[in-house]
Amino acid sequence: MNQGRLSGPPPGLCATCLHVRRVENRRGSVFLLCGRAATDPRFRKYPPLPVLACAGYRKDSGEGNTRDRRGAGGTLGDRDPRAEVGS
């Protein structure tokens, strides 16, 4: 059983991003959801990992951030708009 651990490539910037939410399905698979996707169509809900460059990245300082990072979501597009614009 997966026990809620990410498998596959390391998440890159998503590992420390303020906008990321950890999503676990009933079977125990874990995904990283980009919170920016809810308000900005340039971002995928579930970007391919690892994310090495992202125009929406903000480092999560951990100070005062008590929100639960679990949730639900879907998929979006096949192009990775999280990469820096113009690169």
PDB file of N, CA and C in Angstrom:
ATOM      1  N   MET A   1       0.849  -1.199   0.000  1.00  0.00           N
ATOM      2  CA  MET A   1       0.000   0.000   0.000  1.00  0.00           C
ATOM      3  C   MET A   1       0.881   1.244   0.000  1.00  0.00           C
ATOM      4  N   ASN A   2       0.427   2.283  -0.605  1.00  0.00           N
ATOM      5  CA  ASN A   2       1.180   3.519  -0.793  1.00  0.00           C
ATOM      6  C   ASN A   2       1.349   4.317   0.501  1.00  0.00           C
ATOM      7  N   GLN A   3       0.428   4.225   1.417  1.00  0.00           N
ATOM      8  CA  GLN A   3       0.480   4.931   2.701  1.00  0.00           C
ATOM      9  C   GLN A   3       0.643   6.445   2.570  1.00  0.00           C
ATOM     10  N   GLY A   4       0.062   7.033   1.546  1.00  0.00           N
ATOM     11  CA  GLY A   4       0.048   8.485   1.404  1.00  0.00           C
ATOM     12  C   GLY A   4       1.374   9.126   1.075  1.00  0.00           C
ATOM     13  N   ARG A   5       2.268   8.406   0.471  1.00  0.00           N
ATOM     14  CA  ARG A   5       3.553   8.977   0.098  1.00  0.00           C
ATOM     15  C   ARG A   5       3.594   9.226  -1.394  1.00  0.00           C
ATOM     16  N   LEU A   6       4.245  10.298  -1.784  1.00  0.00           N
ATOM     17  CA  LEU A   6       4.432  10.586  -3.207  1.00  0.00           C
ATOM     18  C   LEU A   6       5.407   9.582  -3.794  1.00  0.00           C
ATOM     19  N   SER A   7       5.058   9.036  -4.949  1.00  0.00           N
ATOM     20  CA  SER A   7       5.999   8.177  -5.646  1.00  0.00           C
ATOM     21  C   SER A   7       6.327   8.848  -6.968  1.00  0.00           C
ATOM     22  N   GLY A   8       7.413   8.475  -7.571  1.00  0.00           N
ATOM     23  CA  GLY A   8       7.782   9.096  -8.826  1.00  0.00           C
ATOM     24  C   GLY A   8       8.807  10.185  -8.606  1.00  0.00           C
ATOM     25  N   PRO A   9       8.848  11.139  -9.548  1.00  0.00           N
ATOM     26  CA  PRO A   9       9.882  12.177  -9.474  1.00  0.00           C
ATOM     27  C   PRO A   9       9.659  13.112  -8.289  1.00  0.00           C
ATOM     28  N   PRO A  10      10.730  13.747  -7.800  1.00  0.00           N
ATOM     29  CA  PRO A  10      10.575  14.731  -6.735  1.00  0.00           C
ATOM     30  C   PRO A  10       9.737  15.903  -7.241  1.00  0.00           C
ATOM     31  N   PRO A  11       9.007  16.582  -6.354  1.00  0.00           N
ATOM     32  CA  PRO A  11       8.097  17.642  -6.801  1.00  0.00           C
ATOM     33  C   PRO A  11       8.749  18.949  -7.216  1.00  0.00           C
ATOM     34  N   GLY A  12      10.034  19.119  -6.983  1.00  0.00           N
ATOM     35  CA  GLY A  12      10.683  20.379  -7.353  1.00  0.00           C
ATOM     36  C   GLY A  12      10.147  21.530  -6.522  1.00  0.00           C
ATOM     37  N   LEU A  13       9.822  22.651  -7.177  1.00  0.00           N
ATOM     38  CA  LEU A  13       9.352  23.843  -6.472  1.00  0.00           C
ATOM     39  C   LEU A  13       8.068  23.603  -5.692  1.00  0.00           C
ATOM     40  N   CYS A  14       7.232  22.694  -6.160  1.00  0.00           N
ATOM     41  CA  CYS A  14       5.957  22.429  -5.484  1.00  0.00           C
ATOM     42  C   CYS A  14       6.160  22.010  -4.027  1.00  0.00           C
ATOM     43  N   ALA A  15       7.289  21.385  -3.718  1.00  0.00           N
ATOM     44  CA  ALA A  15       7.554  20.908  -2.366  1.00  0.00           C
ATOM     45  C   ALA A  15       7.536  22.037  -1.342  1.00  0.00           C
ATOM     46  N   THR A  16       7.874  23.257  -1.765  1.00  0.00           N
ATOM     47  CA  THR A  16       7.954  24.377  -0.819  1.00  0.00           C
ATOM     48  C   THR A  16       7.048  25.542  -1.202  1.00  0.00           C
ATOM     49  N   CYS A  17       6.092  25.319  -2.113  1.00  0.00           N
ATOM     50  CA  CYS A  17       5.249  26.410  -2.598  1.00  0.00           C
ATOM     51  C   CYS A  17       4.055  26.670  -1.674  1.00  0.00           C
ATOM     52  N   LEU A  18       3.752  27.914  -1.488  1.00  0.00           N
ATOM     53  CA  LEU A  18       2.609  28.339  -0.688  1.00  0.00           C
ATOM     54  C   LEU A  18       1.290  27.867  -1.280  1.00  0.00           C
ATOM     55  N   HIS A  19       1.211  27.718  -2.586  1.00  0.00           N
ATOM     56  CA  HIS A  19      -0.041  27.413  -3.275  1.00  0.00           C
ATOM     57  C   HIS A  19      -0.348  25.925  -3.416  1.00  0.00           C
ATOM     58  N   VAL A  20       0.562  25.062  -3.021  1.00  0.00           N
ATOM     59  CA  VAL A  20       0.367  23.624  -3.218  1.00  0.00           C
ATOM     60  C   VAL A  20      -0.568  23.036  -2.153  1.00  0.00           C
ATOM     61  N   ARG A  21      -1.361  22.054  -2.580  1.00  0.00           N
ATOM     62  CA  ARG A  21      -2.183  21.277  -1.654  1.00  0.00           C
ATOM     63  C   ARG A  21      -1.935  19.814  -1.941  1.00  0.00           C
ATOM     64  N   ARG A  22      -1.737  19.050  -0.912  1.00  0.00           N
ATOM     65  CA  ARG A  22      -1.527  17.609  -1.041  1.00  0.00           C
ATOM     66  C   ARG A  22      -2.895  16.949  -1.100  1.00  0.00           C
ATOM     67  N   VAL A  23      -3.130  16.138  -2.128  1.00  0.00           N
ATOM     68  CA  VAL A  23      -4.415  15.481  -2.334  1.00  0.00           C
ATOM     69  C   VAL A  23      -4.190  13.974  -2.335  1.00  0.00           C
ATOM     70  N   GLU A  24      -4.940  13.263  -1.488  1.00  0.00           N
ATOM     71  CA  GLU A  24      -4.835  11.810  -1.429  1.00  0.00           C
ATOM     72  C   GLU A  24      -6.170  11.207  -1.811  1.00  0.00           C
ATOM     73  N   ASN A  25      -6.168  10.242  -2.737  1.00  0.00           N
ATOM     74  CA  ASN A  25      -7.422   9.607  -3.124  1.00  0.00           C
ATOM     75  C   ASN A  25      -7.698   8.394  -2.228  1.00  0.00           C
ATOM     76  N   ARG A  26      -8.839   7.764  -2.436  1.00  0.00           N
ATOM     77  CA  ARG A  26      -9.241   6.625  -1.599  1.00  0.00           C
ATOM     78  C   ARG A  26      -8.276   5.451  -1.679  1.00  0.00           C
ATOM     79  N   ARG A  27      -7.568   5.346  -2.776  1.00  0.00           N
ATOM     80  CA  ARG A  27      -6.630   4.231  -2.947  1.00  0.00           C
ATOM     81  C   ARG A  27      -5.258   4.532  -2.365  1.00  0.00           C
ATOM     82  N   GLY A  28      -5.071   5.727  -1.821  1.00  0.00           N
ATOM     83  CA  GLY A  28      -3.808   6.081  -1.185  1.00  0.00           C
ATOM     84  C   GLY A  28      -2.815   6.800  -2.073  1.00  0.00           C
ATOM     85  N   SER A  29      -3.166   7.019  -3.348  1.00  0.00           N
ATOM     86  CA  SER A  29      -2.270   7.773  -4.227  1.00  0.00           C
ATOM     87  C   SER A  29      -2.267   9.235  -3.813  1.00  0.00           C
ATOM     88  N   VAL A  30      -1.124   9.867  -3.900  1.00  0.00           N
ATOM     89  CA  VAL A  30      -0.971  11.263  -3.481  1.00  0.00           C
ATOM     90  C   VAL A  30      -0.607  12.112  -4.691  1.00  0.00           C
ATOM     91  N   PHE A  31      -1.267  13.268  -4.806  1.00  0.00           N
ATOM     92  CA  PHE A  31      -1.034  14.212  -5.903  1.00  0.00           C
ATOM     93  C   PHE A  31      -0.816  15.597  -5.307  1.00  0.00           C
ATOM     94  N   LEU A  32      -0.156  16.468  -6.054  1.00  0.00           N
ATOM     95  CA  LEU A  32       0.029  17.846  -5.618  1.00  0.00           C
ATOM     96  C   LEU A  32      -0.834  18.750  -6.489  1.00  0.00           C
ATOM     97  N   LEU A  33      -1.762  19.450  -5.856  1.00  0.00           N
ATOM     98  CA  LEU A  33      -2.688  20.341  -6.544  1.00  0.00           C
ATOM     99  C   LEU A  33      -2.180  21.774  -6.442  1.00  0.00           C
ATOM    100  N   CYS A  34      -2.173  22.475  -7.559  1.00  0.00           N
ATOM    101  CA  CYS A  34      -1.754  23.878  -7.572  1.00  0.00           C
ATOM    102  C   CYS A  34      -2.962  24.758  -7.293  1.00  0.00           C
ATOM    103  N   GLY A  35      -2.948  25.468  -6.187  1.00  0.00           N
ATOM    104  CA  GLY A  35      -4.043  26.350  -5.815  1.00  0.00           C
ATOM    105  C   GLY A  35      -4.210  27.530  -6.765  1.00  0.00           C
ATOM    106  N   ARG A  36      -3.147  27.898  -7.466  1.00  0.00           N
ATOM    107  CA  ARG A  36      -3.235  29.002  -8.432  1.00  0.00           C
ATOM    108  C   ARG A  36      -4.172  28.664  -9.584  1.00  0.00           C
ATOM    109  N   ALA A  37      -4.333  27.374  -9.889  1.00  0.00           N
ATOM    110  CA  ALA A  37      -5.181  26.933 -11.006  1.00  0.00           C
ATOM    111  C   ALA A  37      -6.639  27.317 -10.808  1.00  0.00           C
ATOM    112  N   ALA A  38      -7.069  27.502  -9.582  1.00  0.00           N
ATOM    113  CA  ALA A  38      -8.462  27.858  -9.304  1.00  0.00           C
ATOM    114  C   ALA A  38      -8.812  29.259  -9.789  1.00  0.00           C
ATOM    115  N   THR A  39      -7.823  30.137  -9.877  1.00  0.00           N
ATOM    116  CA  THR A  39      -8.084  31.530 -10.251  1.00  0.00           C
ATOM    117  C   THR A  39      -7.321  32.014 -11.478  1.00  0.00           C
ATOM    118  N   ASP A  40      -6.386  31.207 -11.958  1.00  0.00           N
ATOM    119  CA  ASP A  40      -5.566  31.623 -13.099  1.00  0.00           C
ATOM    120  C   ASP A  40      -5.442  30.460 -14.086  1.00  0.00           C
ATOM    121  N   PRO A  41      -6.047  30.579 -15.266  1.00  0.00           N
ATOM    122  CA  PRO A  41      -6.046  29.468 -16.222  1.00  0.00           C
ATOM    123  C   PRO A  41      -4.664  29.118 -16.793  1.00  0.00           C
ATOM    124  N   ARG A  42      -3.660  29.926 -16.532  1.00  0.00           N
ATOM    125  CA  ARG A  42      -2.303  29.599 -16.992  1.00  0.00           C
ATOM    126  C   ARG A  42      -1.705  28.417 -16.237  1.00  0.00           C
ATOM    127  N   PHE A  43      -2.267  28.094 -15.082  1.00  0.00           N
ATOM    128  CA  PHE A  43      -1.704  27.055 -14.230  1.00  0.00           C
ATOM    129  C   PHE A  43      -2.537  25.788 -14.278  1.00  0.00           C
ATOM    130  N   ARG A  44      -1.847  24.645 -14.306  1.00  0.00           N
ATOM    131  CA  ARG A  44      -2.510  23.344 -14.273  1.00  0.00           C
ATOM    132  C   ARG A  44      -2.864  22.981 -12.838  1.00  0.00           C
ATOM    133  N   LYS A  45      -3.967  22.291 -12.661  1.00  0.00           N
ATOM    134  CA  LYS A  45      -4.311  21.823 -11.318  1.00  0.00           C
ATOM    135  C   LYS A  45      -3.260  20.845 -10.814  1.00  0.00           C
ATOM    136  N   TYR A  46      -2.859  19.916 -11.671  1.00  0.00           N
ATOM    137  CA  TYR A  46      -1.871  18.902 -11.320  1.00  0.00           C
ATOM    138  C   TYR A  46      -0.717  18.960 -12.323  1.00  0.00           C
ATOM    139  N   PRO A  47       0.290  19.802 -12.064  1.00  0.00           N
ATOM    140  CA  PRO A  47       1.395  19.946 -13.029  1.00  0.00           C
ATOM    141  C   PRO A  47       2.274  18.701 -13.057  1.00  0.00           C
ATOM    142  N   PRO A  48       2.879  18.423 -14.210  1.00  0.00           N
ATOM    143  CA  PRO A  48       3.837  17.313 -14.264  1.00  0.00           C
ATOM    144  C   PRO A  48       5.048  17.648 -13.391  1.00  0.00           C
ATOM    145  N   LEU A  49       5.524  16.655 -12.683  1.00  0.00           N
ATOM    146  CA  LEU A  49       6.646  16.861 -11.777  1.00  0.00           C
ATOM    147  C   LEU A  49       7.932  16.335 -12.403  1.00  0.00           C
ATOM    148  N   PRO A  50       9.070  16.906 -12.057  1.00  0.00           N
ATOM    149  CA  PRO A  50       9.265  18.009 -11.137  1.00  0.00           C
ATOM    150  C   PRO A  50       9.030  19.364 -11.803  1.00  0.00           C
ATOM    151  N   VAL A  51       8.543  20.311 -11.035  1.00  0.00           N
ATOM    152  CA  VAL A  51       8.375  21.684 -11.524  1.00  0.00           C
ATOM    153  C   VAL A  51       9.679  22.416 -11.185  1.00  0.00           C
ATOM    154  N   LEU A  52      10.412  22.819 -12.219  1.00  0.00           N
ATOM    155  CA  LEU A  52      11.713  23.459 -12.019  1.00  0.00           C
ATOM    156  C   LEU A  52      11.655  24.972 -12.144  1.00  0.00           C
ATOM    157  N   ALA A  53      10.622  25.489 -12.822  1.00  0.00           N
ATOM    158  CA  ALA A  53      10.428  26.935 -12.964  1.00  0.00           C
ATOM    159  C   ALA A  53       8.930  27.193 -12.934  1.00  0.00           C
ATOM    160  N   CYS A  54       8.513  28.235 -12.225  1.00  0.00           N
ATOM    161  CA  CYS A  54       7.089  28.531 -12.121  1.00  0.00           C
ATOM    162  C   CYS A  54       6.871  30.019 -11.867  1.00  0.00           C
ATOM    163  N   ALA A  55       6.062  30.642 -12.723  1.00  0.00           N
ATOM    164  CA  ALA A  55       5.774  32.067 -12.590  1.00  0.00           C
ATOM    165  C   ALA A  55       4.938  32.363 -11.353  1.00  0.00           C
ATOM    166  N   GLY A  56       4.232  31.370 -10.826  1.00  0.00           N
ATOM    167  CA  GLY A  56       3.371  31.584  -9.669  1.00  0.00           C
ATOM    168  C   GLY A  56       3.961  31.123  -8.356  1.00  0.00           C
ATOM    169  N   TYR A  57       5.197  30.664  -8.357  1.00  0.00           N
ATOM    170  CA  TYR A  57       5.816  30.131  -7.141  1.00  0.00           C
ATOM    171  C   TYR A  57       5.984  31.192  -6.060  1.00  0.00           C
ATOM    172  N   ARG A  58       5.564  30.857  -4.858  1.00  0.00           N
ATOM    173  CA  ARG A  58       5.824  31.673  -3.666  1.00  0.00           C
ATOM    174  C   ARG A  58       6.248  30.720  -2.564  1.00  0.00           C
ATOM    175  N   LYS A  59       7.408  30.926  -2.004  1.00  0.00           N
ATOM    176  CA  LYS A  59       7.909  30.052  -0.945  1.00  0.00           C
ATOM    177  C   LYS A  59       6.988  30.129   0.275  1.00  0.00           C
ATOM    178  N   ASP A  60       6.616  28.970   0.778  1.00  0.00           N
ATOM    179  CA  ASP A  60       5.782  28.880   1.979  1.00  0.00           C
ATOM    180  C   ASP A  60       6.680  29.029   3.190  1.00  0.00           C
ATOM    181  N   SER A  61       6.509  30.135   3.906  1.00  0.00           N
ATOM    182  CA  SER A  61       7.340  30.381   5.079  1.00  0.00           C
ATOM    183  C   SER A  61       6.895  29.541   6.265  1.00  0.00           C
ATOM    184  N   GLY A  62       5.653  29.029   6.216  1.00  0.00           N
ATOM    185  CA  GLY A  62       5.143  28.233   7.324  1.00  0.00           C
ATOM    186  C   GLY A  62       4.597  29.078   8.459  1.00  0.00           C
ATOM    187  N   GLU A  63       4.822  30.369   8.426  1.00  0.00           N
ATOM    188  CA  GLU A  63       4.355  31.255   9.487  1.00  0.00           C
ATOM    189  C   GLU A  63       2.889  31.617   9.272  1.00  0.00           C
ATOM    190  N   GLY A  64       2.038  31.229  10.198  1.00  0.00           N
ATOM    191  CA  GLY A  64       0.630  31.603  10.136  1.00  0.00           C
ATOM    192  C   GLY A  64      -0.162  30.842   9.097  1.00  0.00           C
ATOM    193  N   ASN A  65       0.435  29.862   8.451  1.00  0.00           N
ATOM    194  CA  ASN A  65      -0.268  29.097   7.433  1.00  0.00           C
ATOM    195  C   ASN A  65      -0.779  27.809   8.053  1.00  0.00           C
ATOM    196  N   THR A  66      -2.054  27.811   8.469  1.00  0.00           N
ATOM    197  CA  THR A  66      -2.614  26.649   9.145  1.00  0.00           C
ATOM    198  C   THR A  66      -3.622  25.909   8.298  1.00  0.00           C
ATOM    199  N   ARG A  67      -3.738  26.282   7.005  1.00  0.00           N
ATOM    200  CA  ARG A  67      -4.732  25.632   6.161  1.00  0.00           C
ATOM    201  C   ARG A  67      -4.377  24.176   5.905  1.00  0.00           C
ATOM    202  N   ASP A  68      -5.404  23.352   5.788  1.00  0.00           N
ATOM    203  CA  ASP A  68      -5.202  21.950   5.473  1.00  0.00           C
ATOM    204  C   ASP A  68      -4.837  21.836   4.007  1.00  0.00           C
ATOM    205  N   ARG A  69      -3.833  21.076   3.669  1.00  0.00           N
ATOM    206  CA  ARG A  69      -3.389  20.951   2.286  1.00  0.00           C
ATOM    207  C   ARG A  69      -4.011  19.759   1.588  1.00  0.00           C
ATOM    208  N   ARG A  70      -5.044  19.166   2.149  1.00  0.00           N
ATOM    209  CA  ARG A  70      -5.721  18.065   1.473  1.00  0.00           C
ATOM    210  C   ARG A  70      -6.975  18.592   0.807  1.00  0.00           C
ATOM    211  N   GLY A  71      -7.353  18.005  -0.316  1.00  0.00           N
ATOM    212  CA  GLY A  71      -8.540  18.450  -1.034  1.00  0.00           C
ATOM    213  C   GLY A  71      -8.791  17.583  -2.244  1.00  0.00           C
ATOM    214  N   ALA A  72      -9.699  18.028  -3.110  1.00  0.00           N
ATOM    215  CA  ALA A  72     -10.035  17.269  -4.310  1.00  0.00           C
ATOM    216  C   ALA A  72      -9.864  18.158  -5.525  1.00  0.00           C
ATOM    217  N   GLY A  73      -9.821  17.573  -6.690  1.00  0.00           N
ATOM    218  CA  GLY A  73      -9.676  18.364  -7.904  1.00  0.00           C
ATOM    219  C   GLY A  73      -9.688  17.499  -9.136  1.00  0.00           C
ATOM    220  N   GLY A  74      -9.390  18.087 -10.286  1.00  0.00           N
ATOM    221  CA  GLY A  74      -9.406  17.375 -11.559  1.00  0.00           C
ATOM    222  C   GLY A  74      -8.115  17.595 -12.311  1.00  0.00           C
ATOM    223  N   THR A  75      -8.172  17.486 -13.614  1.00  0.00           N
ATOM    224  CA  THR A  75      -6.985  17.716 -14.430  1.00  0.00           C
ATOM    225  C   THR A  75      -7.255  18.843 -15.402  1.00  0.00           C
ATOM    226  N   LEU A  76      -6.222  19.392 -15.958  1.00  0.00           N
ATOM    227  CA  LEU A  76      -6.363  20.525 -16.852  1.00  0.00           C
ATOM    228  C   LEU A  76      -5.303  20.479 -17.930  1.00  0.00           C
ATOM    229  N   GLY A  77      -5.686  20.541 -19.175  1.00  0.00           N
ATOM    230  CA  GLY A  77      -4.767  20.720 -20.296  1.00  0.00           C
ATOM    231  C   GLY A  77      -3.553  19.816 -20.338  1.00  0.00           C
ATOM    232  N   ASP A  78      -2.743  19.950 -21.385  1.00  0.00           N
ATOM    233  CA  ASP A  78      -1.542  19.148 -21.467  1.00  0.00           C
ATOM    234  C   ASP A  78      -0.285  19.991 -21.625  1.00  0.00           C
ATOM    235  N   ARG A  79      -0.393  21.288 -21.659  1.00  0.00           N
ATOM    236  CA  ARG A  79       0.756  22.175 -21.732  1.00  0.00           C
ATOM    237  C   ARG A  79       1.043  22.671 -20.323  1.00  0.00           C
ATOM    238  N   ASP A  80       2.294  22.851 -19.960  1.00  0.00           N
ATOM    239  CA  ASP A  80       2.634  23.270 -18.610  1.00  0.00           C
ATOM    240  C   ASP A  80       2.831  24.777 -18.533  1.00  0.00           C
ATOM    241  N   PRO A  81       1.764  25.535 -18.180  1.00  0.00           N
ATOM    242  CA  PRO A  81       1.872  26.983 -18.106  1.00  0.00           C
ATOM    243  C   PRO A  81       2.576  27.458 -16.845  1.00  0.00           C
ATOM    244  N   ARG A  82       2.932  26.562 -15.953  1.00  0.00           N
ATOM    245  CA  ARG A  82       3.628  26.971 -14.737  1.00  0.00           C
ATOM    246  C   ARG A  82       5.072  27.341 -15.021  1.00  0.00           C
ATOM    247  N   ALA A  83       5.585  26.905 -16.129  1.00  0.00           N
ATOM    248  CA  ALA A  83       6.955  27.268 -16.487  1.00  0.00           C
ATOM    249  C   ALA A  83       7.005  28.774 -16.722  1.00  0.00           C
ATOM    250  N   GLU A  84       8.138  29.349 -16.471  1.00  0.00           N
ATOM    251  CA  GLU A  84       8.296  30.791 -16.637  1.00  0.00           C
ATOM    252  C   GLU A  84       7.823  31.240 -18.012  1.00  0.00           C
ATOM    253  N   VAL A  85       7.058  32.308 -18.041  1.00  0.00           N
ATOM    254  CA  VAL A  85       6.568  32.861 -19.297  1.00  0.00           C
ATOM    255  C   VAL A  85       7.751  33.379 -20.096  1.00  0.00           C
ATOM    256  N   GLY A  86       7.801  33.012 -21.370  1.00  0.00           N
ATOM    257  CA  GLY A  86       8.876  33.471 -22.245  1.00  0.00           C
ATOM    258  C   GLY A  86      10.123  32.612 -22.224  1.00  0.00           C
ATOM    259  N   SER A  87      10.098  31.494 -21.477  1.00  0.00           N
ATOM    260  CA  SER A  87      11.301  30.648 -21.456  1.00  0.00           C
ATOM    261  C   SER A  87      11.184  29.501 -22.400  1.00  0.00           C
TER     262      SER A  87
END
